[in-house]
Amino acid sequence: MELEFSGEIWHWRGPAPWFFVSVPEDGCRELAAASAVVSYGWGMVPVTAAIGDVTWSTSLWPKDGGYIVPLKADIRKRAGGVDEGDTVTVRLAVDV
């Protein structure tokens, strides 16, 4: 399963701060159907993600009935220095 969408980067300021992009609702429905086959615990869904020419392996995190894409500092830097509030186009391929 592959999915492409645009979203705004947001910052979670919890005890271990992270940056994320939320998967839109329609994409979450498709991912939820696939998660029964590929999830490896806590509802995490393994994917290959890409922003522009930057590709990496990660897992989508379940949150509030949807999914979010974590963006490590290295990924944000390699993707042109994207930061909180920037809109990026994300491509996802679920790892089966």
N, C-alpha and C. Protein backbone atom coordinates (compact mmCIF):
# COMPACT_ATOMS: atom_id res chain seq x y z
N MET A 1 0.84 -1.18 0.00
CA MET A 1 0.00 0.00 0.00
C MET A 1 0.88 1.24 0.00
N GLU A 2 0.56 2.20 -0.85
CA GLU A 2 1.28 3.46 -0.92
C GLU A 2 0.32 4.62 -0.73
N LEU A 3 0.83 5.70 -0.17
CA LEU A 3 0.00 6.85 0.16
C LEU A 3 0.85 8.10 0.01
N GLU A 4 0.28 9.17 -0.54
CA GLU A 4 0.97 10.46 -0.63
C GLU A 4 0.02 11.55 -0.16
N PHE A 5 0.54 12.47 0.65
CA PHE A 5 -0.28 13.55 1.18
C PHE A 5 0.61 14.72 1.58
N SER A 6 0.01 15.87 1.76
CA SER A 6 0.73 17.04 2.27
C SER A 6 0.18 17.36 3.65
N GLY A 7 1.06 17.83 4.52
CA GLY A 7 0.65 18.18 5.87
C GLY A 7 1.64 19.12 6.52
N GLU A 8 1.18 19.75 7.57
CA GLU A 8 2.01 20.70 8.31
C GLU A 8 2.79 19.98 9.41
N ILE A 9 4.05 20.34 9.54
CA ILE A 9 4.88 19.78 10.61
C ILE A 9 4.49 20.43 11.92
N TRP A 10 4.29 19.59 12.94
CA TRP A 10 3.96 20.11 14.28
C TRP A 10 4.91 19.51 15.31
N HIS A 11 5.05 20.19 16.41
CA HIS A 11 6.01 19.84 17.46
C HIS A 11 5.27 19.42 18.71
N TRP A 12 5.57 18.21 19.18
CA TRP A 12 5.02 17.74 20.45
C TRP A 12 6.06 18.04 21.51
N ARG A 13 5.69 18.83 22.49
CA ARG A 13 6.63 19.28 23.50
C ARG A 13 6.56 18.44 24.77
N GLY A 14 6.44 17.15 24.61
CA GLY A 14 6.36 16.25 25.76
C GLY A 14 7.71 16.08 26.41
N PRO A 15 7.81 15.09 27.31
CA PRO A 15 9.07 14.86 28.01
C PRO A 15 10.21 14.51 27.04
N ALA A 16 9.87 13.93 25.90
CA ALA A 16 10.86 13.68 24.84
C ALA A 16 10.29 14.32 23.58
N PRO A 17 10.62 15.59 23.31
CA PRO A 17 9.98 16.31 22.20
C PRO A 17 10.26 15.67 20.85
N TRP A 18 9.25 15.69 19.98
CA TRP A 18 9.34 15.14 18.62
C TRP A 18 8.61 16.06 17.67
N PHE A 19 8.96 15.95 16.39
CA PHE A 19 8.24 16.63 15.32
C PHE A 19 7.49 15.57 14.52
N PHE A 20 6.29 15.92 14.05
CA PHE A 20 5.43 14.97 13.34
C PHE A 20 4.71 15.65 12.19
N VAL A 21 4.18 14.82 11.29
CA VAL A 21 3.18 15.21 10.30
C VAL A 21 2.03 14.23 10.49
N SER A 22 0.81 14.75 10.57
CA SER A 22 -0.37 13.89 10.74
C SER A 22 -0.83 13.37 9.38
N VAL A 23 -1.17 12.09 9.34
CA VAL A 23 -1.74 11.50 8.13
C VAL A 23 -3.21 11.92 8.06
N PRO A 24 -3.68 12.40 6.90
CA PRO A 24 -5.08 12.80 6.78
C PRO A 24 -6.04 11.63 7.05
N GLU A 25 -7.26 11.96 7.43
CA GLU A 25 -8.25 10.97 7.84
C GLU A 25 -8.47 9.86 6.80
N ASP A 26 -8.58 10.24 5.52
CA ASP A 26 -8.83 9.21 4.51
C ASP A 26 -7.67 8.22 4.41
N GLY A 27 -6.44 8.69 4.54
CA GLY A 27 -5.28 7.81 4.55
C GLY A 27 -5.24 6.93 5.78
N CYS A 28 -5.72 7.45 6.90
CA CYS A 28 -5.75 6.67 8.14
C CYS A 28 -6.67 5.47 8.03
N ARG A 29 -7.77 5.63 7.33
CA ARG A 29 -8.69 4.49 7.14
C ARG A 29 -7.99 3.36 6.38
N GLU A 30 -7.25 3.71 5.32
CA GLU A 30 -6.52 2.70 4.56
C GLU A 30 -5.44 2.05 5.42
N LEU A 31 -4.74 2.86 6.19
CA LEU A 31 -3.67 2.34 7.05
C LEU A 31 -4.23 1.43 8.14
N ALA A 32 -5.38 1.78 8.68
CA ALA A 32 -5.99 0.96 9.73
C ALA A 32 -6.30 -0.43 9.20
N ALA A 33 -6.76 -0.50 7.95
CA ALA A 33 -7.06 -1.80 7.34
C ALA A 33 -5.78 -2.62 7.17
N ALA A 34 -4.69 -1.97 6.79
CA ALA A 34 -3.42 -2.67 6.60
C ALA A 34 -2.75 -3.02 7.93
N SER A 35 -3.02 -2.25 8.97
CA SER A 35 -2.31 -2.43 10.24
C SER A 35 -2.55 -3.80 10.87
N ALA A 36 -3.70 -4.39 10.61
CA ALA A 36 -3.99 -5.71 11.18
C ALA A 36 -2.98 -6.75 10.70
N VAL A 37 -2.42 -6.53 9.53
CA VAL A 37 -1.47 -7.48 8.96
C VAL A 37 -0.03 -7.13 9.32
N VAL A 38 0.30 -5.84 9.41
CA VAL A 38 1.71 -5.43 9.54
C VAL A 38 2.11 -4.86 10.89
N SER A 39 1.16 -4.49 11.74
CA SER A 39 1.50 -3.86 13.01
C SER A 39 2.29 -4.81 13.90
N TYR A 40 3.30 -4.28 14.56
CA TYR A 40 4.15 -5.12 15.39
C TYR A 40 4.04 -4.79 16.87
N GLY A 41 3.03 -4.11 17.29
CA GLY A 41 2.84 -3.77 18.69
C GLY A 41 2.49 -2.32 18.87
N TRP A 42 1.68 -2.03 19.84
CA TRP A 42 1.21 -0.68 20.16
C TRP A 42 0.56 0.00 18.97
N GLY A 43 0.20 -0.77 17.93
CA GLY A 43 -0.43 -0.19 16.76
C GLY A 43 0.52 0.46 15.77
N MET A 44 1.83 0.32 16.00
CA MET A 44 2.82 0.90 15.11
C MET A 44 2.76 0.22 13.75
N VAL A 45 2.90 1.01 12.68
CA VAL A 45 2.85 0.49 11.31
C VAL A 45 4.19 0.80 10.63
N PRO A 46 4.97 -0.24 10.28
CA PRO A 46 6.26 -0.01 9.63
C PRO A 46 6.08 0.50 8.20
N VAL A 47 6.83 1.56 7.85
CA VAL A 47 6.72 2.15 6.51
C VAL A 47 8.10 2.60 6.02
N THR A 48 8.18 2.78 4.73
CA THR A 48 9.27 3.54 4.12
C THR A 48 8.65 4.89 3.79
N ALA A 49 9.25 5.95 4.31
CA ALA A 49 8.71 7.30 4.14
C ALA A 49 9.67 8.12 3.29
N ALA A 50 9.12 9.13 2.63
CA ALA A 50 9.96 10.03 1.82
C ALA A 50 9.38 11.43 1.83
N ILE A 51 10.28 12.39 1.88
CA ILE A 51 9.97 13.81 1.67
C ILE A 51 10.98 14.25 0.62
N GLY A 52 10.49 14.60 -0.55
CA GLY A 52 11.40 14.94 -1.65
C GLY A 52 12.28 13.74 -1.96
N ASP A 53 13.59 13.97 -2.01
CA ASP A 53 14.55 12.90 -2.32
C ASP A 53 15.02 12.17 -1.07
N VAL A 54 14.54 12.54 0.09
CA VAL A 54 14.98 11.94 1.35
C VAL A 54 14.04 10.79 1.70
N THR A 55 14.60 9.58 1.79
CA THR A 55 13.83 8.38 2.09
C THR A 55 14.39 7.74 3.34
N TRP A 56 13.51 7.23 4.22
CA TRP A 56 13.95 6.57 5.43
C TRP A 56 12.93 5.54 5.88
N SER A 57 13.37 4.61 6.71
CA SER A 57 12.48 3.62 7.32
C SER A 57 12.06 4.13 8.68
N THR A 58 10.78 3.99 8.98
CA THR A 58 10.24 4.43 10.26
C THR A 58 8.97 3.66 10.54
N SER A 59 8.28 4.04 11.58
CA SER A 59 6.98 3.47 11.90
C SER A 59 6.01 4.59 12.21
N LEU A 60 4.80 4.45 11.69
CA LEU A 60 3.75 5.41 12.01
C LEU A 60 3.28 5.16 13.42
N TRP A 61 3.02 6.21 14.15
CA TRP A 61 2.53 6.09 15.51
C TRP A 61 1.02 6.30 15.51
N PRO A 62 0.29 5.45 16.21
CA PRO A 62 -1.15 5.70 16.32
C PRO A 62 -1.40 6.85 17.30
N LYS A 63 -2.33 7.74 16.96
CA LYS A 63 -2.66 8.86 17.85
C LYS A 63 -4.09 9.31 17.58
N ASP A 64 -4.92 9.27 18.61
CA ASP A 64 -6.29 9.78 18.54
C ASP A 64 -7.08 9.20 17.37
N GLY A 65 -6.94 7.90 17.13
CA GLY A 65 -7.67 7.24 16.07
C GLY A 65 -7.06 7.40 14.69
N GLY A 66 -5.92 8.07 14.60
CA GLY A 66 -5.23 8.27 13.32
C GLY A 66 -3.79 7.83 13.43
N TYR A 67 -2.97 8.33 12.53
CA TYR A 67 -1.54 8.00 12.53
C TYR A 67 -0.73 9.26 12.32
N ILE A 68 0.49 9.27 12.88
CA ILE A 68 1.41 10.39 12.70
C ILE A 68 2.76 9.86 12.27
N VAL A 69 3.45 10.67 11.46
CA VAL A 69 4.77 10.33 10.93
C VAL A 69 5.82 11.07 11.75
N PRO A 70 6.70 10.35 12.45
CA PRO A 70 7.75 11.03 13.21
C PRO A 70 8.85 11.53 12.29
N LEU A 71 9.35 12.74 12.57
CA LEU A 71 10.41 13.35 11.77
C LEU A 71 11.60 13.68 12.66
N LYS A 72 12.61 12.84 12.63
CA LYS A 72 13.82 13.10 13.41
C LYS A 72 14.53 14.34 12.87
N ALA A 73 15.38 14.92 13.71
CA ALA A 73 16.13 16.12 13.32
C ALA A 73 16.94 15.89 12.06
N ASP A 74 17.57 14.73 11.94
CA ASP A 74 18.39 14.43 10.77
C ASP A 74 17.54 14.43 9.49
N ILE A 75 16.36 13.86 9.56
CA ILE A 75 15.47 13.82 8.40
C ILE A 75 15.05 15.24 8.01
N ARG A 76 14.65 16.05 9.00
CA ARG A 76 14.23 17.42 8.72
C ARG A 76 15.37 18.23 8.10
N LYS A 77 16.59 18.02 8.59
CA LYS A 77 17.76 18.71 8.05
C LYS A 77 18.02 18.29 6.61
N ARG A 78 18.01 16.97 6.35
CA ARG A 78 18.29 16.44 5.01
C ARG A 78 17.20 16.83 4.01
N ALA A 79 15.99 17.09 4.50
CA ALA A 79 14.86 17.48 3.63
C ALA A 79 14.83 19.00 3.41
N GLY A 80 15.94 19.66 3.62
CA GLY A 80 16.02 21.09 3.33
C GLY A 80 15.81 21.98 4.53
N GLY A 81 15.93 21.42 5.74
CA GLY A 81 15.78 22.22 6.94
C GLY A 81 14.34 22.53 7.29
N VAL A 82 13.42 21.62 6.90
CA VAL A 82 12.01 21.86 7.22
C VAL A 82 11.82 21.85 8.73
N ASP A 83 10.83 22.63 9.19
CA ASP A 83 10.64 22.81 10.62
C ASP A 83 9.16 23.00 10.92
N GLU A 84 8.87 23.16 12.19
CA GLU A 84 7.50 23.35 12.65
C GLU A 84 6.79 24.42 11.83
N GLY A 85 5.56 24.10 11.39
CA GLY A 85 4.76 25.04 10.62
C GLY A 85 4.94 24.92 9.12
N ASP A 86 6.02 24.25 8.67
CA ASP A 86 6.21 24.04 7.24
C ASP A 86 5.27 22.95 6.74
N THR A 87 4.81 23.09 5.51
CA THR A 87 4.00 22.05 4.88
C THR A 87 4.89 21.24 3.97
N VAL A 88 4.82 19.91 4.13
CA VAL A 88 5.64 19.00 3.34
C VAL A 88 4.74 17.96 2.67
N THR A 89 5.21 17.42 1.57
CA THR A 89 4.53 16.30 0.92
C THR A 89 5.26 15.03 1.33
N VAL A 90 4.50 14.10 1.89
CA VAL A 90 5.05 12.85 2.41
C VAL A 90 4.54 11.70 1.56
N ARG A 91 5.45 10.80 1.20
CA ARG A 91 5.07 9.57 0.53
C ARG A 91 5.35 8.41 1.48
N LEU A 92 4.39 7.51 1.61
CA LEU A 92 4.52 6.36 2.50
C LEU A 92 4.29 5.07 1.71
N ALA A 93 5.09 4.06 2.02
CA ALA A 93 4.87 2.72 1.49
C ALA A 93 4.89 1.79 2.70
N VAL A 94 3.78 1.10 2.94
CA VAL A 94 3.70 0.19 4.09
C VAL A 94 4.62 -0.99 3.83
N ASP A 95 5.47 -1.30 4.82
CA ASP A 95 6.39 -2.43 4.72
C ASP A 95 5.66 -3.70 5.12
N VAL A 96 5.58 -4.62 4.19
CA VAL A 96 4.89 -5.87 4.45
C VAL A 96 5.89 -6.96 4.79
